[in-house]
Amino acid sequence: MPALSIVIPAYNEQSRLPGTLTRVLAYLDSAPWREPEVLVVDDGSRDLTAALVEEWAGRDPRVRLLRNPGNRGKGYSVRHGMMEARGEWVLFSDADLSAPIEELDALWAALERTPAAVAIGSRALNRGLIGVHQSKFRETAGRFFNLVMRLVCGLPFWDTQCGFKLFRRDAARDVFSRLRLERFGFDVEALFIARLKGYKTIEVPVRWNHADGTKVSMFRDSADMFLDLLRVRRNQLLGRYR
C-alpha cells in the first residue's frame, strides 16, 4: 500500500477530536497504509483544539498540528493540509467522521478497479448507506444545490459536498495550489479545477451518518455557496485556474 496522509480541518473541535483521533489512529494501526500521518489543521480555534492536538502529537509521531493565520475557513484549511501532506495519497475528512474513516477502504477499492487521480465519497449514489439522516430541509436544500451546481459548473457528480475525498498527491498539489475559495464552496472549485486539468475523478458510495454540531449555517453559508458557483465560473473566465 502507498504512503497516506489524512487531513482533518478543525475549528473549535476540542470536544470531538479525542474520539476522532482515537478512531483514526486505531484504523491506521490495523490498515496496511505505509508511513501514515494525520494532519489536523487548526483554523484559529478559540477553544483548546490546538493544545489538544499538540498533546496528541507528543504521544504519537503520526499526528501533526498545522495552524492557520487566524480563522480563514474550511477551504483554506483543507488547502493548507493538502499542500503540507507528505503521503502519496491524501485524504481529507471532516472532524466529525460523518463518513467513517473505515470507508477509506471503499475509496481505495474503487480506485483499484478504476484507476483515477481522485476518489470522492458520495451520499447520493446509495442513500441506503445513510444511517442517520439530516433534516428533510437540509437534504432537500442539498439536492437543489447539486442541481444548480450541475447546471452552472457542469460537473457530473451527484454529491460534491461529502467531506471525504482522496487525492493522489501530485493532483492534490496541482489542484489546491490554484484554489481561490476559502470557505464551504471549495469542494466544487477543487473538483472543477481537477476536471479542467484532466484528472480523472470517480464518485464512490460511502456509509454516512449526520453528526450534530455542523458549522454550516443553512442561511448565511448556503447563500454564499450558491454565489461560489458563480465565482468558480468567473474565475475560469478570467483565467485564474491556469
C-alpha atoms as a PDB file:
ATOM      1  CA  MET A   1       0.000   0.000   0.000  1.00  0.00           C
ATOM      2  CA  PRO A   2       1.208   3.558  -0.684  1.00  0.00           C
ATOM      3  CA  ALA A   3       2.057   6.206   1.903  1.00  0.00           C
ATOM      4  CA  LEU A   4      -1.005   8.013   3.250  1.00  0.00           C
ATOM      5  CA  SER A   5      -1.771  11.438   4.693  1.00  0.00           C
ATOM      6  CA  ILE A   6      -5.107  12.258   6.347  1.00  0.00           C
ATOM      7  CA  VAL A   7      -6.053  15.943   6.573  1.00  0.00           C
ATOM      8  CA  ILE A   8      -8.637  16.955   9.181  1.00  0.00           C
ATOM      9  CA  PRO A   9      -9.737  20.617   9.216  1.00  0.00           C
ATOM     10  CA  ALA A  10     -10.713  21.677  12.727  1.00  0.00           C
ATOM     11  CA  TYR A  11     -12.406  24.741  14.193  1.00  0.00           C
ATOM     12  CA  ASN A  12     -13.367  24.617  17.872  1.00  0.00           C
ATOM     13  CA  GLU A  13     -13.269  20.821  17.910  1.00  0.00           C
ATOM     14  CA  GLN A  14     -11.752  20.143  21.335  1.00  0.00           C
ATOM     15  CA  SER A  15     -14.709  18.010  22.426  1.00  0.00           C
ATOM     16  CA  ARG A  16     -14.865  15.940  19.228  1.00  0.00           C
ATOM     17  CA  LEU A  17     -11.198  15.452  18.359  1.00  0.00           C
ATOM     18  CA  PRO A  18     -10.229  12.941  21.084  1.00  0.00           C
ATOM     19  CA  GLY A  19     -12.776  10.438  19.765  1.00  0.00           C
ATOM     20  CA  THR A  20     -11.871  11.220  16.170  1.00  0.00           C
ATOM     21  CA  LEU A  21      -8.120  10.797  16.653  1.00  0.00           C
ATOM     22  CA  THR A  22      -8.641   7.618  18.679  1.00  0.00           C
ATOM     23  CA  ARG A  23     -10.680   6.093  15.870  1.00  0.00           C
ATOM     24  CA  VAL A  24      -8.406   7.279  13.044  1.00  0.00           C
ATOM     25  CA  LEU A  25      -5.234   6.037  14.730  1.00  0.00           C
ATOM     26  CA  ALA A  26      -6.867   2.711  15.586  1.00  0.00           C
ATOM     27  CA  TYR A  27      -7.782   2.330  11.919  1.00  0.00           C
ATOM     28  CA  LEU A  28      -4.197   3.088  10.889  1.00  0.00           C
ATOM     29  CA  ASP A  29      -2.905   0.527  13.404  1.00  0.00           C
ATOM     30  CA  SER A  30      -4.754  -2.209  11.537  1.00  0.00           C
ATOM     31  CA  ALA A  31      -4.521  -0.875   7.953  1.00  0.00           C
ATOM     32  CA  PRO A  32      -1.636  -1.627   5.551  1.00  0.00           C
ATOM     33  CA  TRP A  33      -1.003   2.012   4.543  1.00  0.00           C
ATOM     34  CA  ARG A  34       2.689   2.920   4.641  1.00  0.00           C
ATOM     35  CA  GLU A  35       4.076   5.865   6.617  1.00  0.00           C
ATOM     36  CA  PRO A  36       0.667   7.238   7.629  1.00  0.00           C
ATOM     37  CA  GLU A  37       0.315  10.738   9.034  1.00  0.00           C
ATOM     38  CA  VAL A  38      -2.651  12.682  10.407  1.00  0.00           C
ATOM     39  CA  LEU A  39      -2.562  16.432   9.833  1.00  0.00           C
ATOM     40  CA  VAL A  40      -5.020  18.388  11.967  1.00  0.00           C
ATOM     41  CA  VAL A  41      -5.365  21.936  10.620  1.00  0.00           C
ATOM     42  CA  ASP A  42      -6.460  24.349  13.343  1.00  0.00           C
ATOM     43  CA  ASP A  43      -8.486  27.161  11.796  1.00  0.00           C
ATOM     44  CA  GLY A  44      -7.926  29.763  14.503  1.00  0.00           C
ATOM     45  CA  SER A  45      -9.965  27.904  17.113  1.00  0.00           C
ATOM     46  CA  ARG A  46     -10.971  29.816  20.235  1.00  0.00           C
ATOM     47  CA  ASP A  47     -11.009  26.710  22.406  1.00  0.00           C
ATOM     48  CA  LEU A  48      -8.246  24.198  23.267  1.00  0.00           C
ATOM     49  CA  THR A  49      -8.197  22.451  19.873  1.00  0.00           C
ATOM     50  CA  ALA A  50      -4.557  23.340  19.108  1.00  0.00           C
ATOM     51  CA  ALA A  51      -3.307  22.440  22.595  1.00  0.00           C
ATOM     52  CA  LEU A  52      -5.133  19.111  22.442  1.00  0.00           C
ATOM     53  CA  VAL A  53      -3.576  18.213  19.091  1.00  0.00           C
ATOM     54  CA  GLU A  54      -0.120  19.209  20.317  1.00  0.00           C
ATOM     55  CA  GLU A  55      -0.592  16.866  23.267  1.00  0.00           C
ATOM     56  CA  TRP A  56      -1.566  14.005  20.946  1.00  0.00           C
ATOM     57  CA  ALA A  57       1.376  14.762  18.656  1.00  0.00           C
ATOM     58  CA  GLY A  58       3.699  14.485  21.632  1.00  0.00           C
ATOM     59  CA  ARG A  59       2.418  10.943  22.251  1.00  0.00           C
ATOM     60  CA  ASP A  60       2.089   9.750  18.653  1.00  0.00           C
ATOM     61  CA  PRO A  61       4.501  10.907  15.912  1.00  0.00           C
ATOM     62  CA  ARG A  62       1.880  10.193  13.254  1.00  0.00           C
ATOM     63  CA  VAL A  63      -0.078  13.275  14.387  1.00  0.00           C
ATOM     64  CA  ARG A  64       0.902  16.762  13.213  1.00  0.00           C
ATOM     65  CA  LEU A  65      -0.646  20.131  14.025  1.00  0.00           C
ATOM     66  CA  LEU A  66      -0.881  22.824  11.345  1.00  0.00           C
ATOM     67  CA  ARG A  67      -2.082  26.313  12.279  1.00  0.00           C
ATOM     68  CA  ASN A  68      -3.858  28.760  10.004  1.00  0.00           C
ATOM     69  CA  PRO A  69      -3.182  32.509  10.374  1.00  0.00           C
ATOM     70  CA  GLY A  70      -6.490  33.093  12.133  1.00  0.00           C
ATOM     71  CA  ASN A  71      -9.933  31.828  11.143  1.00  0.00           C
ATOM     72  CA  ARG A  72      -9.774  31.508   7.356  1.00  0.00           C
ATOM     73  CA  GLY A  73     -12.391  28.864   6.544  1.00  0.00           C
ATOM     74  CA  LYS A  74     -12.657  25.170   5.742  1.00  0.00           C
ATOM     75  CA  GLY A  75     -11.404  25.563   2.176  1.00  0.00           C
ATOM     76  CA  TYR A  76      -8.262  27.348   3.339  1.00  0.00           C
ATOM     77  CA  SER A  77      -7.731  24.661   5.991  1.00  0.00           C
ATOM     78  CA  VAL A  78      -8.008  21.782   3.532  1.00  0.00           C
ATOM     79  CA  ARG A  79      -5.696  23.547   1.074  1.00  0.00           C
ATOM     80  CA  HIS A  80      -3.165  24.120   3.869  1.00  0.00           C
ATOM     81  CA  GLY A  81      -3.232  20.443   4.770  1.00  0.00           C
ATOM     82  CA  MET A  82      -3.091  19.236   1.177  1.00  0.00           C
ATOM     83  CA  MET A  83      -0.044  21.378   0.421  1.00  0.00           C
ATOM     84  CA  GLU A  84       1.793  20.138   3.535  1.00  0.00           C
ATOM     85  CA  ALA A  85       0.921  16.440   3.154  1.00  0.00           C
ATOM     86  CA  ARG A  86       3.787  14.022   2.531  1.00  0.00           C
ATOM     87  CA  GLY A  87       1.872  10.885   1.559  1.00  0.00           C
ATOM     88  CA  GLU A  88       1.480   9.541  -1.960  1.00  0.00           C
ATOM     89  CA  TRP A  89      -2.275   9.747  -1.404  1.00  0.00           C
ATOM     90  CA  VAL A  90      -4.051  12.385   0.676  1.00  0.00           C
ATOM     91  CA  LEU A  91      -7.491  12.004   2.222  1.00  0.00           C
ATOM     92  CA  PHE A  92      -9.365  14.899   3.723  1.00  0.00           C
ATOM     93  CA  SER A  93     -12.036  14.009   6.221  1.00  0.00           C
ATOM     94  CA  ASP A  94     -14.406  16.059   8.327  1.00  0.00           C
ATOM     95  CA  ALA A  95     -13.565  16.092  12.034  1.00  0.00           C
ATOM     96  CA  ASP A  96     -16.921  14.543  12.919  1.00  0.00           C
ATOM     97  CA  LEU A  97     -16.189  11.399  10.842  1.00  0.00           C
ATOM     98  CA  SER A  98     -19.672  11.515   9.346  1.00  0.00           C
ATOM     99  CA  ALA A  99     -18.161   9.235   6.747  1.00  0.00           C
ATOM    100  CA  PRO A 100     -16.387   6.670   8.958  1.00  0.00           C
ATOM    101  CA  ILE A 101     -12.644   6.524   8.436  1.00  0.00           C
ATOM    102  CA  GLU A 102     -13.031   2.855   7.510  1.00  0.00           C
ATOM    103  CA  GLU A 103     -14.773   3.985   4.301  1.00  0.00           C
ATOM    104  CA  LEU A 104     -11.314   4.849   3.004  1.00  0.00           C
ATOM    105  CA  ASP A 105     -11.167   1.147   2.127  1.00  0.00           C
ATOM    106  CA  ALA A 106     -14.153   1.666  -0.193  1.00  0.00           C
ATOM    107  CA  LEU A 107     -12.448   4.582  -1.961  1.00  0.00           C
ATOM    108  CA  TRP A 108      -9.239   2.608  -2.417  1.00  0.00           C
ATOM    109  CA  ALA A 109     -11.066  -0.499  -3.659  1.00  0.00           C
ATOM    110  CA  ALA A 110     -12.843   1.672  -6.251  1.00  0.00           C
ATOM    111  CA  LEU A 111      -9.500   3.138  -7.357  1.00  0.00           C
ATOM    112  CA  GLU A 112      -8.064  -0.343  -7.799  1.00  0.00           C
ATOM    113  CA  ARG A 113     -10.989  -1.196 -10.092  1.00  0.00           C
ATOM    114  CA  THR A 114     -10.984   2.119 -11.939  1.00  0.00           C
ATOM    115  CA  PRO A 115      -7.653   3.958 -11.735  1.00  0.00           C
ATOM    116  CA  ALA A 116      -8.102   7.701 -11.190  1.00  0.00           C
ATOM    117  CA  ALA A 117      -6.373  10.640  -9.520  1.00  0.00           C
ATOM    118  CA  VAL A 118      -9.313  11.488  -7.254  1.00  0.00           C
ATOM    119  CA  ALA A 119     -12.000   9.461  -5.486  1.00  0.00           C
ATOM    120  CA  ILE A 120     -14.842  11.280  -3.729  1.00  0.00           C
ATOM    121  CA  GLY A 121     -17.219   9.846  -1.165  1.00  0.00           C
ATOM    122  CA  SER A 122     -20.882  10.207  -2.070  1.00  0.00           C
ATOM    123  CA  ARG A 123     -24.101  10.055  -0.059  1.00  0.00           C
ATOM    124  CA  ALA A 124     -26.246  10.304  -3.166  1.00  0.00           C
ATOM    125  CA  LEU A 125     -25.257   7.187  -5.098  1.00  0.00           C
ATOM    126  CA  ASN A 126     -26.706   4.835  -2.472  1.00  0.00           C
ATOM    127  CA  ARG A 127     -28.833   6.586   0.132  1.00  0.00           C
ATOM    128  CA  GLY A 128     -29.398   3.223   1.781  1.00  0.00           C
ATOM    129  CA  LEU A 129     -25.900   3.645   3.243  1.00  0.00           C
ATOM    130  CA  ILE A 130     -27.008   6.698   5.235  1.00  0.00           C
ATOM    131  CA  GLY A 131     -27.555   5.653   8.840  1.00  0.00           C
ATOM    132  CA  VAL A 132     -28.564   8.989  10.416  1.00  0.00           C
ATOM    133  CA  HIS A 133     -30.141  11.476   8.021  1.00  0.00           C
ATOM    134  CA  GLN A 134     -30.001  15.247   8.084  1.00  0.00           C
ATOM    135  CA  SER A 135     -33.285  17.112   8.449  1.00  0.00           C
ATOM    136  CA  LYS A 136     -35.593  16.937   5.436  1.00  0.00           C
ATOM    137  CA  PHE A 137     -34.974  20.635   4.857  1.00  0.00           C
ATOM    138  CA  ARG A 138     -31.185  20.182   4.705  1.00  0.00           C
ATOM    139  CA  GLU A 139     -31.435  17.118   2.453  1.00  0.00           C
ATOM    140  CA  THR A 140     -33.778  18.947   0.057  1.00  0.00           C
ATOM    141  CA  ALA A 141     -31.511  22.003   0.049  1.00  0.00           C
ATOM    142  CA  GLY A 142     -28.527  19.767  -0.687  1.00  0.00           C
ATOM    143  CA  ARG A 143     -30.240  18.171  -3.667  1.00  0.00           C
ATOM    144  CA  PHE A 144     -31.252  21.581  -5.002  1.00  0.00           C
ATOM    145  CA  PHE A 145     -27.670  22.839  -4.605  1.00  0.00           C
ATOM    146  CA  ASN A 146     -26.409  19.840  -6.549  1.00  0.00           C
ATOM    147  CA  LEU A 147     -28.874  20.514  -9.366  1.00  0.00           C
ATOM    148  CA  VAL A 148     -27.778  24.151  -9.623  1.00  0.00           C
ATOM    149  CA  MET A 149     -24.122  23.092  -9.406  1.00  0.00           C
ATOM    150  CA  ARG A 150     -24.531  20.725 -12.340  1.00  0.00           C
ATOM    151  CA  LEU A 151     -26.202  23.449 -14.407  1.00  0.00           C
ATOM    152  CA  VAL A 152     -23.711  26.216 -13.556  1.00  0.00           C
ATOM    153  CA  CYS A 153     -20.438  24.284 -13.325  1.00  0.00           C
ATOM    154  CA  GLY A 154     -21.172  21.278 -15.496  1.00  0.00           C
ATOM    155  CA  LEU A 155     -19.737  18.721 -13.078  1.00  0.00           C
ATOM    156  CA  PRO A 156     -21.277  15.241 -13.415  1.00  0.00           C
ATOM    157  CA  PHE A 157     -21.244  14.340  -9.707  1.00  0.00           C
ATOM    158  CA  TRP A 158     -24.282  13.716  -7.528  1.00  0.00           C
ATOM    159  CA  ASP A 159     -22.670  14.794  -4.263  1.00  0.00           C
ATOM    160  CA  THR A 160     -19.807  17.283  -4.201  1.00  0.00           C
ATOM    161  CA  GLN A 161     -20.193  18.241  -0.532  1.00  0.00           C
ATOM    162  CA  CYS A 162     -19.433  14.995   1.278  1.00  0.00           C
ATOM    163  CA  GLY A 163     -16.344  15.747   3.365  1.00  0.00           C
ATOM    164  CA  PHE A 164     -14.447  12.602   2.404  1.00  0.00           C
ATOM    165  CA  LYS A 165     -12.186  12.872  -0.638  1.00  0.00           C
ATOM    166  CA  LEU A 166      -8.977  11.078  -1.628  1.00  0.00           C
ATOM    167  CA  PHE A 167      -6.425  12.737  -3.943  1.00  0.00           C
ATOM    168  CA  ARG A 168      -3.195  11.478  -5.429  1.00  0.00           C
ATOM    169  CA  ARG A 169      -0.595  13.876  -4.020  1.00  0.00           C
ATOM    170  CA  ASP A 170       0.537  15.360  -7.340  1.00  0.00           C
ATOM    171  CA  ALA A 171      -3.085  16.053  -8.279  1.00  0.00           C
ATOM    172  CA  ALA A 172      -3.816  17.482  -4.828  1.00  0.00           C
ATOM    173  CA  ARG A 173      -0.961  19.953  -5.013  1.00  0.00           C
ATOM    174  CA  ASP A 174      -1.773  20.981  -8.576  1.00  0.00           C
ATOM    175  CA  VAL A 175      -5.465  21.467  -7.806  1.00  0.00           C
ATOM    176  CA  PHE A 176      -5.279  23.061  -4.370  1.00  0.00           C
ATOM    177  CA  SER A 177      -2.465  25.440  -5.304  1.00  0.00           C
ATOM    178  CA  ARG A 178      -4.999  27.049  -7.683  1.00  0.00           C
ATOM    179  CA  LEU A 179      -7.877  27.171  -5.178  1.00  0.00           C
ATOM    180  CA  ARG A 180      -9.436  30.620  -4.690  1.00  0.00           C
ATOM    181  CA  LEU A 181     -12.405  29.904  -2.418  1.00  0.00           C
ATOM    182  CA  GLU A 182     -11.679  29.654   1.288  1.00  0.00           C
ATOM    183  CA  ARG A 183     -14.995  28.634   2.787  1.00  0.00           C
ATOM    184  CA  PHE A 184     -17.602  25.948   2.116  1.00  0.00           C
ATOM    185  CA  GLY A 185     -17.789  26.261  -1.680  1.00  0.00           C
ATOM    186  CA  PHE A 186     -14.237  24.959  -2.074  1.00  0.00           C
ATOM    187  CA  ASP A 187     -15.321  21.351  -2.805  1.00  0.00           C
ATOM    188  CA  VAL A 188     -16.932  22.331  -6.097  1.00  0.00           C
ATOM    189  CA  GLU A 189     -13.987  24.540  -7.026  1.00  0.00           C
ATOM    190  CA  ALA A 190     -11.466  21.752  -6.330  1.00  0.00           C
ATOM    191  CA  LEU A 191     -13.414  19.238  -8.423  1.00  0.00           C
ATOM    192  CA  PHE A 192     -13.900  21.827 -11.173  1.00  0.00           C
ATOM    193  CA  ILE A 193     -10.149  22.503 -11.323  1.00  0.00           C
ATOM    194  CA  ALA A 194      -9.388  18.773 -11.291  1.00  0.00           C
ATOM    195  CA  ARG A 195     -11.627  18.318 -14.311  1.00  0.00           C
ATOM    196  CA  LEU A 196     -10.061  21.298 -16.108  1.00  0.00           C
ATOM    197  CA  LYS A 197      -6.626  19.802 -15.534  1.00  0.00           C
ATOM    198  CA  GLY A 198      -7.668  16.399 -16.794  1.00  0.00           C
ATOM    199  CA  TYR A 199      -7.504  14.477 -13.519  1.00  0.00           C
ATOM    200  CA  LYS A 200      -9.929  11.583 -13.637  1.00  0.00           C
ATOM    201  CA  THR A 201     -12.348  11.629 -10.685  1.00  0.00           C
ATOM    202  CA  ILE A 202     -14.609   8.803  -9.568  1.00  0.00           C
ATOM    203  CA  GLU A 203     -17.598   9.056  -7.227  1.00  0.00           C
ATOM    204  CA  VAL A 204     -17.939   6.255  -4.675  1.00  0.00           C
ATOM    205  CA  PRO A 205     -20.913   5.482  -2.386  1.00  0.00           C
ATOM    206  CA  VAL A 206     -19.922   5.548   1.289  1.00  0.00           C
ATOM    207  CA  ARG A 207     -21.594   4.997   4.618  1.00  0.00           C
ATOM    208  CA  TRP A 208     -22.519   8.276   6.262  1.00  0.00           C
ATOM    209  CA  ASN A 209     -24.187   9.470   9.459  1.00  0.00           C
ATOM    210  CA  HIS A 210     -25.255  13.002  10.233  1.00  0.00           C
ATOM    211  CA  ALA A 211     -23.466  14.410  13.292  1.00  0.00           C
ATOM    212  CA  ASP A 212     -24.772  17.329  15.322  1.00  0.00           C
ATOM    213  CA  GLY A 213     -22.631  20.427  15.659  1.00  0.00           C
ATOM    214  CA  THR A 214     -22.248  21.379  11.997  1.00  0.00           C
ATOM    215  CA  LYS A 215     -20.514  24.717  11.378  1.00  0.00           C
ATOM    216  CA  VAL A 216     -22.586  25.353   8.220  1.00  0.00           C
ATOM    217  CA  SER A 217     -25.384  27.902   8.595  1.00  0.00           C
ATOM    218  CA  MET A 218     -28.312  26.965   6.369  1.00  0.00           C
ATOM    219  CA  PHE A 219     -28.971  30.601   5.524  1.00  0.00           C
ATOM    220  CA  ARG A 220     -25.735  32.590   5.615  1.00  0.00           C
ATOM    221  CA  ASP A 221     -23.370  29.871   4.350  1.00  0.00           C
ATOM    222  CA  SER A 222     -25.787  28.235   1.911  1.00  0.00           C
ATOM    223  CA  ALA A 223     -26.441  31.533   0.156  1.00  0.00           C
ATOM    224  CA  ASP A 224     -22.707  32.108  -0.135  1.00  0.00           C
ATOM    225  CA  MET A 225     -22.191  28.590  -1.518  1.00  0.00           C
ATOM    226  CA  PHE A 226     -24.628  29.317  -4.363  1.00  0.00           C
ATOM    227  CA  LEU A 227     -22.687  32.512  -5.092  1.00  0.00           C
ATOM    228  CA  ASP A 228     -19.486  30.459  -5.045  1.00  0.00           C
ATOM    229  CA  LEU A 229     -20.747  28.541  -8.081  1.00  0.00           C
ATOM    230  CA  LEU A 230     -20.783  31.804  -9.997  1.00  0.00           C
ATOM    231  CA  ARG A 231     -17.366  32.706  -8.597  1.00  0.00           C
ATOM    232  CA  VAL A 232     -15.946  29.439  -9.951  1.00  0.00           C
ATOM    233  CA  ARG A 233     -17.233  30.241 -13.414  1.00  0.00           C
ATOM    234  CA  ARG A 234     -15.935  33.816 -13.152  1.00  0.00           C
ATOM    235  CA  ASN A 235     -12.507  32.603 -12.084  1.00  0.00           C
ATOM    236  CA  GLN A 236     -12.432  30.239 -15.044  1.00  0.00           C
ATOM    237  CA  LEU A 237     -13.363  33.003 -17.484  1.00  0.00           C
ATOM    238  CA  LEU A 238     -10.668  35.249 -16.006  1.00  0.00           C
ATOM    239  CA  GLY A 239      -8.074  32.511 -16.446  1.00  0.00           C
ATOM    240  CA  ARG A 240      -7.336  32.190 -12.742  1.00  0.00           C
ATOM    241  CA  TYR A 241      -7.055  28.402 -12.853  1.00  0.00           C
ATOM    242  CA  ARG A 242      -4.316  28.293 -15.470  1.00  0.00           C
END
